[in-house]
Structures are given as structure tokens and as C-alpha cells.
Amino acid sequence: TGDTINYADSVKGRFTISGDNAKRTVY
């Protein structure tokens, strides 16, 4: 909530999470 994003230390800088509500999809 509030668009706070957290990553595991092991993937920081390599993985990106995002969402598209129009497609109801998380990537």
C-alpha cells in the first residue's frame, strides 16, 4: 500500500516488480 516496493537483497539491482491495473497483472 502506498506503492512501497521492497526487494530481497539478493535480487536488488537485477529484478524489477511492477503492476498494470488495466491488465490486472503484476510483473
mmCIF file of all heavy atoms, coordinates in Angstrom:
data_MODEL
# 
_entry.id   MODEL 
# 
loop_
_atom_site.group_PDB 
_atom_site.id 
_atom_site.type_symbol 
_atom_site.label_atom_id 
_atom_site.label_alt_id 
_atom_site.label_comp_id 
_atom_site.label_asym_id 
_atom_site.label_entity_id 
_atom_site.label_seq_id 
_atom_site.pdbx_PDB_ins_code 
_atom_site.Cartn_x 
_atom_site.Cartn_y 
_atom_site.Cartn_z 
_atom_site.occupancy 
_atom_site.B_iso_or_equiv 
_atom_site.pdbx_formal_charge 
_atom_site.auth_seq_id 
_atom_site.auth_comp_id 
_atom_site.auth_asym_id 
_atom_site.auth_atom_id 
_atom_site.pdbx_PDB_model_num 
ATOM 1   N N   . THR A 1 1  ? 0.841   -1.204  0.000   1.00 0.00 ? 1  THR A N   1 
ATOM 2   C CA  . THR A 1 1  ? 0.000   0.000   0.000   1.00 0.00 ? 1  THR A CA  1 
ATOM 3   C C   . THR A 1 1  ? 0.876   1.254   0.000   1.00 0.00 ? 1  THR A C   1 
ATOM 4   O O   . THR A 1 1  ? 1.837   1.327   0.760   1.00 0.00 ? 1  THR A O   1 
ATOM 5   C CB  . THR A 1 1  ? -0.900  0.002   1.232   1.00 0.00 ? 1  THR A CB  1 
ATOM 6   O OG1 . THR A 1 1  ? -1.690  -1.188  1.227   1.00 0.00 ? 1  THR A OG1 1 
ATOM 7   C CG2 . THR A 1 1  ? -1.823  1.200   1.236   1.00 0.00 ? 1  THR A CG2 1 
ATOM 8   N N   . GLY A 1 2  ? 0.516   2.223   -0.847  1.00 0.00 ? 2  GLY A N   1 
ATOM 9   C CA  . GLY A 1 2  ? 1.318   3.430   -0.966  1.00 0.00 ? 2  GLY A CA  1 
ATOM 10  C C   . GLY A 1 2  ? 2.462   3.266   -1.952  1.00 0.00 ? 2  GLY A C   1 
ATOM 11  O O   . GLY A 1 2  ? 3.364   4.097   -2.012  1.00 0.00 ? 2  GLY A O   1 
ATOM 12  N N   . ASP A 1 3  ? 2.424   2.169   -2.712  1.00 0.00 ? 3  ASP A N   1 
ATOM 13  C CA  . ASP A 1 3  ? 3.447   1.891   -3.721  1.00 0.00 ? 3  ASP A CA  1 
ATOM 14  C C   . ASP A 1 3  ? 4.832   1.714   -3.126  1.00 0.00 ? 3  ASP A C   1 
ATOM 15  O O   . ASP A 1 3  ? 5.844   2.018   -3.760  1.00 0.00 ? 3  ASP A O   1 
ATOM 16  C CB  . ASP A 1 3  ? 3.482   2.983   -4.798  1.00 0.00 ? 3  ASP A CB  1 
ATOM 17  C CG  . ASP A 1 3  ? 2.248   2.942   -5.681  1.00 0.00 ? 3  ASP A CG  1 
ATOM 18  O OD1 . ASP A 1 3  ? 1.635   1.861   -5.785  1.00 0.00 ? 3  ASP A OD1 1 
ATOM 19  O OD2 . ASP A 1 3  ? 1.888   3.976   -6.242  1.00 0.00 ? 3  ASP A OD2 1 
ATOM 20  N N   . THR A 1 4  ? 4.886   1.241   -1.909  1.00 0.00 ? 4  THR A N   1 
ATOM 21  C CA  . THR A 1 4  ? 6.170   0.901   -1.302  1.00 0.00 ? 4  THR A CA  1 
ATOM 22  C C   . THR A 1 4  ? 6.666   -0.404  -1.912  1.00 0.00 ? 4  THR A C   1 
ATOM 23  O O   . THR A 1 4  ? 5.932   -1.390  -1.966  1.00 0.00 ? 4  THR A O   1 
ATOM 24  C CB  . THR A 1 4  ? 6.023   0.717   0.209   1.00 0.00 ? 4  THR A CB  1 
ATOM 25  O OG1 . THR A 1 4  ? 5.528   1.921   0.783   1.00 0.00 ? 4  THR A OG1 1 
ATOM 26  C CG2 . THR A 1 4  ? 7.362   0.375   0.841   1.00 0.00 ? 4  THR A CG2 1 
ATOM 27  N N   . ILE A 1 5  ? 7.907   -0.398  -2.374  1.00 0.00 ? 5  ILE A N   1 
ATOM 28  C CA  . ILE A 1 5  ? 8.478   -1.574  -3.016  1.00 0.00 ? 5  ILE A CA  1 
ATOM 29  C C   . ILE A 1 5  ? 9.676   -2.064  -2.211  1.00 0.00 ? 5  ILE A C   1 
ATOM 30  O O   . ILE A 1 5  ? 10.526  -1.268  -1.808  1.00 0.00 ? 5  ILE A O   1 
ATOM 31  C CB  . ILE A 1 5  ? 8.907   -1.277  -4.462  1.00 0.00 ? 5  ILE A CB  1 
ATOM 32  C CG1 . ILE A 1 5  ? 7.676   -0.923  -5.308  1.00 0.00 ? 5  ILE A CG1 1 
ATOM 33  C CG2 . ILE A 1 5  ? 9.634   -2.470  -5.064  1.00 0.00 ? 5  ILE A CG2 1 
ATOM 34  C CD1 . ILE A 1 5  ? 8.000   -0.552  -6.747  1.00 0.00 ? 5  ILE A CD1 1 
ATOM 35  N N   . ASN A 1 6  ? 9.714   -3.360  -2.001  1.00 0.00 ? 6  ASN A N   1 
ATOM 36  C CA  . ASN A 1 6  ? 10.850  -3.973  -1.307  1.00 0.00 ? 6  ASN A CA  1 
ATOM 37  C C   . ASN A 1 6  ? 11.358  -5.166  -2.100  1.00 0.00 ? 6  ASN A C   1 
ATOM 38  O O   . ASN A 1 6  ? 10.576  -5.914  -2.688  1.00 0.00 ? 6  ASN A O   1 
ATOM 39  C CB  . ASN A 1 6  ? 10.447  -4.434  0.093   1.00 0.00 ? 6  ASN A CB  1 
ATOM 40  C CG  . ASN A 1 6  ? 10.240  -3.274  1.026   1.00 0.00 ? 6  ASN A CG  1 
ATOM 41  O OD1 . ASN A 1 6  ? 11.194  -2.599  1.416   1.00 0.00 ? 6  ASN A OD1 1 
ATOM 42  N ND2 . ASN A 1 6  ? 8.994   -3.010  1.389   1.00 0.00 ? 6  ASN A ND2 1 
ATOM 43  N N   . TYR A 1 7  ? 12.659  -5.315  -2.100  1.00 0.00 ? 7  TYR A N   1 
ATOM 44  C CA  . TYR A 1 7  ? 13.308  -6.418  -2.783  1.00 0.00 ? 7  TYR A CA  1 
ATOM 45  C C   . TYR A 1 7  ? 14.193  -7.187  -1.812  1.00 0.00 ? 7  TYR A C   1 
ATOM 46  O O   . TYR A 1 7  ? 14.767  -6.613  -0.879  1.00 0.00 ? 7  TYR A O   1 
ATOM 47  C CB  . TYR A 1 7  ? 14.198  -5.905  -3.928  1.00 0.00 ? 7  TYR A CB  1 
ATOM 48  C CG  . TYR A 1 7  ? 13.475  -5.245  -5.062  1.00 0.00 ? 7  TYR A CG  1 
ATOM 49  C CD1 . TYR A 1 7  ? 13.372  -3.861  -5.131  1.00 0.00 ? 7  TYR A CD1 1 
ATOM 50  C CD2 . TYR A 1 7  ? 12.898  -5.998  -6.081  1.00 0.00 ? 7  TYR A CD2 1 
ATOM 51  C CE1 . TYR A 1 7  ? 12.708  -3.245  -6.177  1.00 0.00 ? 7  TYR A CE1 1 
ATOM 52  C CE2 . TYR A 1 7  ? 12.230  -5.389  -7.144  1.00 0.00 ? 7  TYR A CE2 1 
ATOM 53  C CZ  . TYR A 1 7  ? 12.139  -4.002  -7.170  1.00 0.00 ? 7  TYR A CZ  1 
ATOM 54  O OH  . TYR A 1 7  ? 11.491  -3.395  -8.216  1.00 0.00 ? 7  TYR A OH  1 
ATOM 55  N N   . ALA A 1 8  ? 14.326  -8.479  -2.073  1.00 0.00 ? 8  ALA A N   1 
ATOM 56  C CA  . ALA A 1 8  ? 15.335  -9.242  -1.355  1.00 0.00 ? 8  ALA A CA  1 
ATOM 57  C C   . ALA A 1 8  ? 16.714  -8.703  -1.731  1.00 0.00 ? 8  ALA A C   1 
ATOM 58  O O   . ALA A 1 8  ? 16.927  -8.289  -2.881  1.00 0.00 ? 8  ALA A O   1 
ATOM 59  C CB  . ALA A 1 8  ? 15.236  -10.719 -1.726  1.00 0.00 ? 8  ALA A CB  1 
ATOM 60  N N   . ASP A 1 9  ? 17.631  -8.705  -0.800  1.00 0.00 ? 9  ASP A N   1 
ATOM 61  C CA  . ASP A 1 9  ? 18.967  -8.179  -1.076  1.00 0.00 ? 9  ASP A CA  1 
ATOM 62  C C   . ASP A 1 9  ? 19.614  -8.895  -2.257  1.00 0.00 ? 9  ASP A C   1 
ATOM 63  O O   . ASP A 1 9  ? 20.359  -8.287  -3.036  1.00 0.00 ? 9  ASP A O   1 
ATOM 64  C CB  . ASP A 1 9  ? 19.854  -8.329  0.158   1.00 0.00 ? 9  ASP A CB  1 
ATOM 65  C CG  . ASP A 1 9  ? 19.486  -7.355  1.262   1.00 0.00 ? 9  ASP A CG  1 
ATOM 66  O OD1 . ASP A 1 9  ? 18.785  -6.360  0.975   1.00 0.00 ? 9  ASP A OD1 1 
ATOM 67  O OD2 . ASP A 1 9  ? 19.891  -7.586  2.408   1.00 0.00 ? 9  ASP A OD2 1 
ATOM 68  N N   . SER A 1 10 ? 19.313  -10.160 -2.403  1.00 0.00 ? 10 SER A N   1 
ATOM 69  C CA  . SER A 1 10 ? 19.952  -10.973 -3.433  1.00 0.00 ? 10 SER A CA  1 
ATOM 70  C C   . SER A 1 10 ? 19.522  -10.598 -4.855  1.00 0.00 ? 10 SER A C   1 
ATOM 71  O O   . SER A 1 10 ? 20.183  -10.988 -5.819  1.00 0.00 ? 10 SER A O   1 
ATOM 72  C CB  . SER A 1 10 ? 19.667  -12.457 -3.196  1.00 0.00 ? 10 SER A CB  1 
ATOM 73  O OG  . SER A 1 10 ? 18.278  -12.697 -3.207  1.00 0.00 ? 10 SER A OG  1 
ATOM 74  N N   . VAL A 1 11 ? 18.418  -9.838  -4.987  1.00 0.00 ? 11 VAL A N   1 
ATOM 75  C CA  . VAL A 1 11 ? 17.937  -9.503  -6.334  1.00 0.00 ? 11 VAL A CA  1 
ATOM 76  C C   . VAL A 1 11 ? 17.953  -8.009  -6.604  1.00 0.00 ? 11 VAL A C   1 
ATOM 77  O O   . VAL A 1 11 ? 17.626  -7.586  -7.721  1.00 0.00 ? 11 VAL A O   1 
ATOM 78  C CB  . VAL A 1 11 ? 16.512  -10.066 -6.573  1.00 0.00 ? 11 VAL A CB  1 
ATOM 79  C CG1 . VAL A 1 11 ? 16.460  -11.556 -6.274  1.00 0.00 ? 11 VAL A CG1 1 
ATOM 80  C CG2 . VAL A 1 11 ? 15.473  -9.307  -5.776  1.00 0.00 ? 11 VAL A CG2 1 
ATOM 81  N N   . LYS A 1 12 ? 18.308  -7.206  -5.618  1.00 0.00 ? 12 LYS A N   1 
ATOM 82  C CA  . LYS A 1 12 ? 18.330  -5.750  -5.805  1.00 0.00 ? 12 LYS A CA  1 
ATOM 83  C C   . LYS A 1 12 ? 19.242  -5.379  -6.966  1.00 0.00 ? 12 LYS A C   1 
ATOM 84  O O   . LYS A 1 12 ? 20.363  -5.890  -7.083  1.00 0.00 ? 12 LYS A O   1 
ATOM 85  C CB  . LYS A 1 12 ? 18.800  -5.058  -4.529  1.00 0.00 ? 12 LYS A CB  1 
ATOM 86  C CG  . LYS A 1 12 ? 17.742  -4.985  -3.442  1.00 0.00 ? 12 LYS A CG  1 
ATOM 87  C CD  . LYS A 1 12 ? 18.279  -4.274  -2.195  1.00 0.00 ? 12 LYS A CD  1 
ATOM 88  C CE  . LYS A 1 12 ? 17.212  -4.227  -1.115  1.00 0.00 ? 12 LYS A CE  1 
ATOM 89  N NZ  . LYS A 1 12 ? 17.735  -3.619  0.133   1.00 0.00 ? 12 LYS A NZ  1 
ATOM 90  N N   . GLY A 1 13 ? 18.732  -4.481  -7.806  1.00 0.00 ? 13 GLY A N   1 
ATOM 91  C CA  . GLY A 1 13 ? 19.505  -4.039  -8.958  1.00 0.00 ? 13 GLY A CA  1 
ATOM 92  C C   . GLY A 1 13 ? 19.378  -4.948  -10.165 1.00 0.00 ? 13 GLY A C   1 
ATOM 93  O O   . GLY A 1 13 ? 19.828  -4.596  -11.258 1.00 0.00 ? 13 GLY A O   1 
ATOM 94  N N   . ARG A 1 14 ? 18.775  -6.115  -9.986  1.00 0.00 ? 14 ARG A N   1 
ATOM 95  C CA  . ARG A 1 14 ? 18.624  -7.054  -11.107 1.00 0.00 ? 14 ARG A CA  1 
ATOM 96  C C   . ARG A 1 14 ? 17.149  -7.308  -11.447 1.00 0.00 ? 14 ARG A C   1 
ATOM 97  O O   . ARG A 1 14 ? 16.819  -7.511  -12.618 1.00 0.00 ? 14 ARG A O   1 
ATOM 98  C CB  . ARG A 1 14 ? 19.276  -8.402  -10.750 1.00 0.00 ? 14 ARG A CB  1 
ATOM 99  C CG  . ARG A 1 14 ? 20.765  -8.295  -10.473 1.00 0.00 ? 14 ARG A CG  1 
ATOM 100 C CD  . ARG A 1 14 ? 21.397  -9.674  -10.343 1.00 0.00 ? 14 ARG A CD  1 
ATOM 101 N NE  . ARG A 1 14 ? 20.855  -10.447 -9.228  1.00 0.00 ? 14 ARG A NE  1 
ATOM 102 C CZ  . ARG A 1 14 ? 20.280  -11.630 -9.366  1.00 0.00 ? 14 ARG A CZ  1 
ATOM 103 N NH1 . ARG A 1 14 ? 20.155  -12.198 -10.557 1.00 0.00 ? 14 ARG A NH1 1 
ATOM 104 N NH2 . ARG A 1 14 ? 19.831  -12.278 -8.297  1.00 0.00 ? 14 ARG A NH2 1 
ATOM 105 N N   . PHE A 1 15 ? 16.293  -7.313  -10.445 1.00 0.00 ? 15 PHE A N   1 
ATOM 106 C CA  . PHE A 1 15 ? 14.869  -7.608  -10.641 1.00 0.00 ? 15 PHE A CA  1 
ATOM 107 C C   . PHE A 1 15 ? 14.054  -6.338  -10.450 1.00 0.00 ? 15 PHE A C   1 
ATOM 108 O O   . PHE A 1 15 ? 14.394  -5.483  -9.611  1.00 0.00 ? 15 PHE A O   1 
ATOM 109 C CB  . PHE A 1 15 ? 14.385  -8.649  -9.634  1.00 0.00 ? 15 PHE A CB  1 
ATOM 110 C CG  . PHE A 1 15 ? 14.915  -10.045 -9.840  1.00 0.00 ? 15 PHE A CG  1 
ATOM 111 C CD1 . PHE A 1 15 ? 15.966  -10.311 -10.708 1.00 0.00 ? 15 PHE A CD1 1 
ATOM 112 C CD2 . PHE A 1 15 ? 14.358  -11.098 -9.138  1.00 0.00 ? 15 PHE A CD2 1 
ATOM 113 C CE1 . PHE A 1 15 ? 16.457  -11.587 -10.882 1.00 0.00 ? 15 PHE A CE1 1 
ATOM 114 C CE2 . PHE A 1 15 ? 14.824  -12.397 -9.308  1.00 0.00 ? 15 PHE A CE2 1 
ATOM 115 C CZ  . PHE A 1 15 ? 15.883  -12.644 -10.173 1.00 0.00 ? 15 PHE A CZ  1 
ATOM 116 N N   . THR A 1 16 ? 12.945  -6.240  -11.188 1.00 0.00 ? 16 THR A N   1 
ATOM 117 C CA  . THR A 1 16 ? 12.037  -5.106  -11.051 1.00 0.00 ? 16 THR A CA  1 
ATOM 118 C C   . THR A 1 16 ? 10.602  -5.617  -11.014 1.00 0.00 ? 16 THR A C   1 
ATOM 119 O O   . THR A 1 16 ? 10.180  -6.338  -11.932 1.00 0.00 ? 16 THR A O   1 
ATOM 120 C CB  . THR A 1 16 ? 12.203  -4.124  -12.207 1.00 0.00 ? 16 THR A CB  1 
ATOM 121 O OG1 . THR A 1 16 ? 13.561  -3.667  -12.270 1.00 0.00 ? 16 THR A OG1 1 
ATOM 122 C CG2 . THR A 1 16 ? 11.289  -2.912  -12.016 1.00 0.00 ? 16 THR A CG2 1 
ATOM 123 N N   . ILE A 1 17 ? 9.863   -5.211  -10.002 1.00 0.00 ? 17 ILE A N   1 
ATOM 124 C CA  . ILE A 1 17 ? 8.444   -5.573  -9.893  1.00 0.00 ? 17 ILE A CA  1 
ATOM 125 C C   . ILE A 1 17 ? 7.616   -4.376  -10.340 1.00 0.00 ? 17 ILE A C   1 
ATOM 126 O O   . ILE A 1 17 ? 7.974   -3.220  -10.083 1.00 0.00 ? 17 ILE A O   1 
ATOM 127 C CB  . ILE A 1 17 ? 8.079   -5.986  -8.451  1.00 0.00 ? 17 ILE A CB  1 
ATOM 128 C CG1 . ILE A 1 17 ? 6.640   -6.518  -8.398  1.00 0.00 ? 17 ILE A CG1 1 
ATOM 129 C CG2 . ILE A 1 17 ? 8.299   -4.840  -7.468  1.00 0.00 ? 17 ILE A CG2 1 
ATOM 130 C CD1 . ILE A 1 17 ? 6.271   -7.127  -7.043  1.00 0.00 ? 17 ILE A CD1 1 
ATOM 131 N N   . SER A 1 18 ? 6.518   -4.666  -11.036 1.00 0.00 ? 18 SER A N   1 
ATOM 132 C CA  . SER A 1 18 ? 5.634   -3.603  -11.482 1.00 0.00 ? 18 SER A CA  1 
ATOM 133 C C   . SER A 1 18 ? 4.223   -4.166  -11.628 1.00 0.00 ? 18 SER A C   1 
ATOM 134 O O   . SER A 1 18 ? 4.028   -5.384  -11.643 1.00 0.00 ? 18 SER A O   1 
ATOM 135 C CB  . SER A 1 18 ? 6.116   -3.003  -12.806 1.00 0.00 ? 18 SER A CB  1 
ATOM 136 O OG  . SER A 1 18 ? 6.109   -3.988  -13.835 1.00 0.00 ? 18 SER A OG  1 
ATOM 137 N N   . GLY A 1 19 ? 3.266   -3.245  -11.752 1.00 0.00 ? 19 GLY A N   1 
ATOM 138 C CA  . GLY A 1 19 ? 1.883   -3.663  -11.902 1.00 0.00 ? 19 GLY A CA  1 
ATOM 139 C C   . GLY A 1 19 ? 1.177   -2.848  -12.962 1.00 0.00 ? 19 GLY A C   1 
ATOM 140 O O   . GLY A 1 19 ? 1.510   -1.681  -13.181 1.00 0.00 ? 19 GLY A O   1 
ATOM 141 N N   . ASP A 1 20 ? 0.221   -3.461  -13.620 1.00 0.00 ? 20 ASP A N   1 
ATOM 142 C CA  . ASP A 1 20 ? -0.600  -2.793  -14.630 1.00 0.00 ? 20 ASP A CA  1 
ATOM 143 C C   . ASP A 1 20 ? -2.049  -3.103  -14.284 1.00 0.00 ? 20 ASP A C   1 
ATOM 144 O O   . ASP A 1 20 ? -2.529  -4.211  -14.538 1.00 0.00 ? 20 ASP A O   1 
ATOM 145 C CB  . ASP A 1 20 ? -0.233  -3.305  -16.025 1.00 0.00 ? 20 ASP A CB  1 
ATOM 146 C CG  . ASP A 1 20 ? -0.990  -2.594  -17.134 1.00 0.00 ? 20 ASP A CG  1 
ATOM 147 O OD1 . ASP A 1 20 ? -2.086  -2.055  -16.876 1.00 0.00 ? 20 ASP A OD1 1 
ATOM 148 O OD2 . ASP A 1 20 ? -0.484  -2.573  -18.276 1.00 0.00 ? 20 ASP A OD2 1 
ATOM 149 N N   . ASN A 1 21 ? -2.750  -2.107  -13.708 1.00 0.00 ? 21 ASN A N   1 
ATOM 150 C CA  . ASN A 1 21 ? -4.106  -2.385  -13.257 1.00 0.00 ? 21 ASN A CA  1 
ATOM 151 C C   . ASN A 1 21 ? -5.061  -2.601  -14.421 1.00 0.00 ? 21 ASN A C   1 
ATOM 152 O O   . ASN A 1 21 ? -6.004  -3.388  -14.306 1.00 0.00 ? 21 ASN A O   1 
ATOM 153 C CB  . ASN A 1 21 ? -4.624  -1.258  -12.370 1.00 0.00 ? 21 ASN A CB  1 
ATOM 154 C CG  . ASN A 1 21 ? -5.928  -1.627  -11.703 1.00 0.00 ? 21 ASN A CG  1 
ATOM 155 O OD1 . ASN A 1 21 ? -6.044  -2.692  -11.097 1.00 0.00 ? 21 ASN A OD1 1 
ATOM 156 N ND2 . ASN A 1 21 ? -6.928  -0.765  -11.829 1.00 0.00 ? 21 ASN A ND2 1 
ATOM 157 N N   . ALA A 1 22 ? -4.807  -1.946  -15.543 1.00 0.00 ? 22 ALA A N   1 
ATOM 158 C CA  . ALA A 1 22 ? -5.686  -2.129  -16.708 1.00 0.00 ? 22 ALA A CA  1 
ATOM 159 C C   . ALA A 1 22 ? -5.682  -3.593  -17.166 1.00 0.00 ? 22 ALA A C   1 
ATOM 160 O O   . ALA A 1 22 ? -6.691  -4.114  -17.639 1.00 0.00 ? 22 ALA A O   1 
ATOM 161 C CB  . ALA A 1 22 ? -5.249  -1.212  -17.849 1.00 0.00 ? 22 ALA A CB  1 
ATOM 162 N N   . LYS A 1 23 ? -4.531  -4.234  -17.013 1.00 0.00 ? 23 LYS A N   1 
ATOM 163 C CA  . LYS A 1 23 ? -4.410  -5.640  -17.383 1.00 0.00 ? 23 LYS A CA  1 
ATOM 164 C C   . LYS A 1 23 ? -4.546  -6.563  -16.176 1.00 0.00 ? 23 LYS A C   1 
ATOM 165 O O   . LYS A 1 23 ? -4.453  -7.784  -16.322 1.00 0.00 ? 23 LYS A O   1 
ATOM 166 C CB  . LYS A 1 23 ? -3.068  -5.887  -18.073 1.00 0.00 ? 23 LYS A CB  1 
ATOM 167 C CG  . LYS A 1 23 ? -2.917  -5.130  -19.387 1.00 0.00 ? 23 LYS A CG  1 
ATOM 168 C CD  . LYS A 1 23 ? -1.573  -5.440  -20.047 1.00 0.00 ? 23 LYS A CD  1 
ATOM 169 C CE  . LYS A 1 23 ? -1.448  -4.689  -21.367 1.00 0.00 ? 23 LYS A CE  1 
ATOM 170 N NZ  . LYS A 1 23 ? -0.153  -4.955  -22.035 1.00 0.00 ? 23 LYS A NZ  1 
ATOM 171 N N   . ARG A 1 24 ? -4.709  -5.967  -14.987 1.00 0.00 ? 24 ARG A N   1 
ATOM 172 C CA  . ARG A 1 24 ? -4.828  -6.728  -13.738 1.00 0.00 ? 24 ARG A CA  1 
ATOM 173 C C   . ARG A 1 24 ? -3.668  -7.699  -13.598 1.00 0.00 ? 24 ARG A C   1 
ATOM 174 O O   . ARG A 1 24 ? -3.833  -8.862  -13.219 1.00 0.00 ? 24 ARG A O   1 
ATOM 175 C CB  . ARG A 1 24 ? -6.167  -7.472  -13.666 1.00 0.00 ? 24 ARG A CB  1 
ATOM 176 C CG  . ARG A 1 24 ? -7.364  -6.551  -13.642 1.00 0.00 ? 24 ARG A CG  1 
ATOM 177 C CD  . ARG A 1 24 ? -8.665  -7.294  -13.546 1.00 0.00 ? 24 ARG A CD  1 
ATOM 178 N NE  . ARG A 1 24 ? -8.879  -8.166  -14.691 1.00 0.00 ? 24 ARG A NE  1 
ATOM 179 C CZ  . ARG A 1 24 ? -9.981  -8.884  -14.876 1.00 0.00 ? 24 ARG A CZ  1 
ATOM 180 N NH1 . ARG A 1 24 ? -10.946 -8.852  -13.984 1.00 0.00 ? 24 ARG A NH1 1 
ATOM 181 N NH2 . ARG A 1 24 ? -10.103 -9.660  -15.929 1.00 0.00 ? 24 ARG A NH2 1 
ATOM 182 N N   . THR A 1 25 ? -2.480  -7.203  -13.905 1.00 0.00 ? 25 THR A N   1 
ATOM 183 C CA  . THR A 1 25 ? -1.302  -8.060  -13.962 1.00 0.00 ? 25 THR A CA  1 
ATOM 184 C C   . THR A 1 25 ? -0.136  -7.468  -13.187 1.00 0.00 ? 25 THR A C   1 
ATOM 185 O O   . THR A 1 25 ? 0.097   -6.262  -13.236 1.00 0.00 ? 25 THR A O   1 
ATOM 186 C CB  . THR A 1 25 ? -0.887  -8.296  -15.427 1.00 0.00 ? 25 THR A CB  1 
ATOM 187 O OG1 . THR A 1 25 ? -1.977  -8.908  -16.132 1.00 0.00 ? 25 THR A OG1 1 
ATOM 188 C CG2 . THR A 1 25 ? 0.328   -9.201  -15.526 1.00 0.00 ? 25 THR A CG2 1 
ATOM 189 N N   . VAL A 1 26 ? 0.564   -8.341  -12.478 1.00 0.00 ? 26 VAL A N   1 
ATOM 190 C CA  . VAL A 1 26 ? 1.798   -7.982  -11.780 1.00 0.00 ? 26 VAL A CA  1 
ATOM 191 C C   . VAL A 1 26 ? 2.945   -8.656  -12.524 1.00 0.00 ? 26 VAL A C   1 
ATOM 192 O O   . VAL A 1 26 ? 2.840   -9.820  -12.916 1.00 0.00 ? 26 VAL A O   1 
ATOM 193 C CB  . VAL A 1 26 ? 1.773   -8.474  -10.329 1.00 0.00 ? 26 VAL A CB  1 
ATOM 194 C CG1 . VAL A 1 26 ? 3.067   -8.105  -9.610  1.00 0.00 ? 26 VAL A CG1 1 
ATOM 195 C CG2 . VAL A 1 26 ? 0.579   -7.896  -9.593  1.00 0.00 ? 26 VAL A CG2 1 
ATOM 196 N N   . TYR A 1 27 ? 4.026   -7.916  -12.700 1.00 0.00 ? 27 TYR A N   1 
ATOM 197 C CA  . TYR A 1 27 ? 5.168   -8.420  -13.453 1.00 0.00 ? 27 TYR A CA  1 
ATOM 198 C C   . TYR A 1 27 ? 6.412   -8.507  -12.570 1.00 0.00 ? 27 TYR A C   1 
ATOM 199 O O   . TYR A 1 27 ? 6.554   -7.772  -11.588 1.00 0.00 ? 27 TYR A O   1 
ATOM 200 C CB  . TYR A 1 27 ? 5.478   -7.501  -14.631 1.00 0.00 ? 27 TYR A CB  1 
ATOM 201 C CG  . TYR A 1 27 ? 4.348   -7.313  -15.600 1.00 0.00 ? 27 TYR A CG  1 
ATOM 202 C CD1 . TYR A 1 27 ? 3.556   -6.166  -15.548 1.00 0.00 ? 27 TYR A CD1 1 
ATOM 203 C CD2 . TYR A 1 27 ? 4.067   -8.264  -16.573 1.00 0.00 ? 27 TYR A CD2 1 
ATOM 204 C CE1 . TYR A 1 27 ? 2.514   -5.983  -16.436 1.00 0.00 ? 27 TYR A CE1 1 
ATOM 205 C CE2 . TYR A 1 27 ? 3.026   -8.084  -17.477 1.00 0.00 ? 27 TYR A CE2 1 
ATOM 206 C CZ  . TYR A 1 27 ? 2.248   -6.941  -17.395 1.00 0.00 ? 27 TYR A CZ  1 
ATOM 207 O OH  . TYR A 1 27 ? 1.215   -6.761  -18.283 1.00 0.00 ? 27 TYR A OH  1 
# 
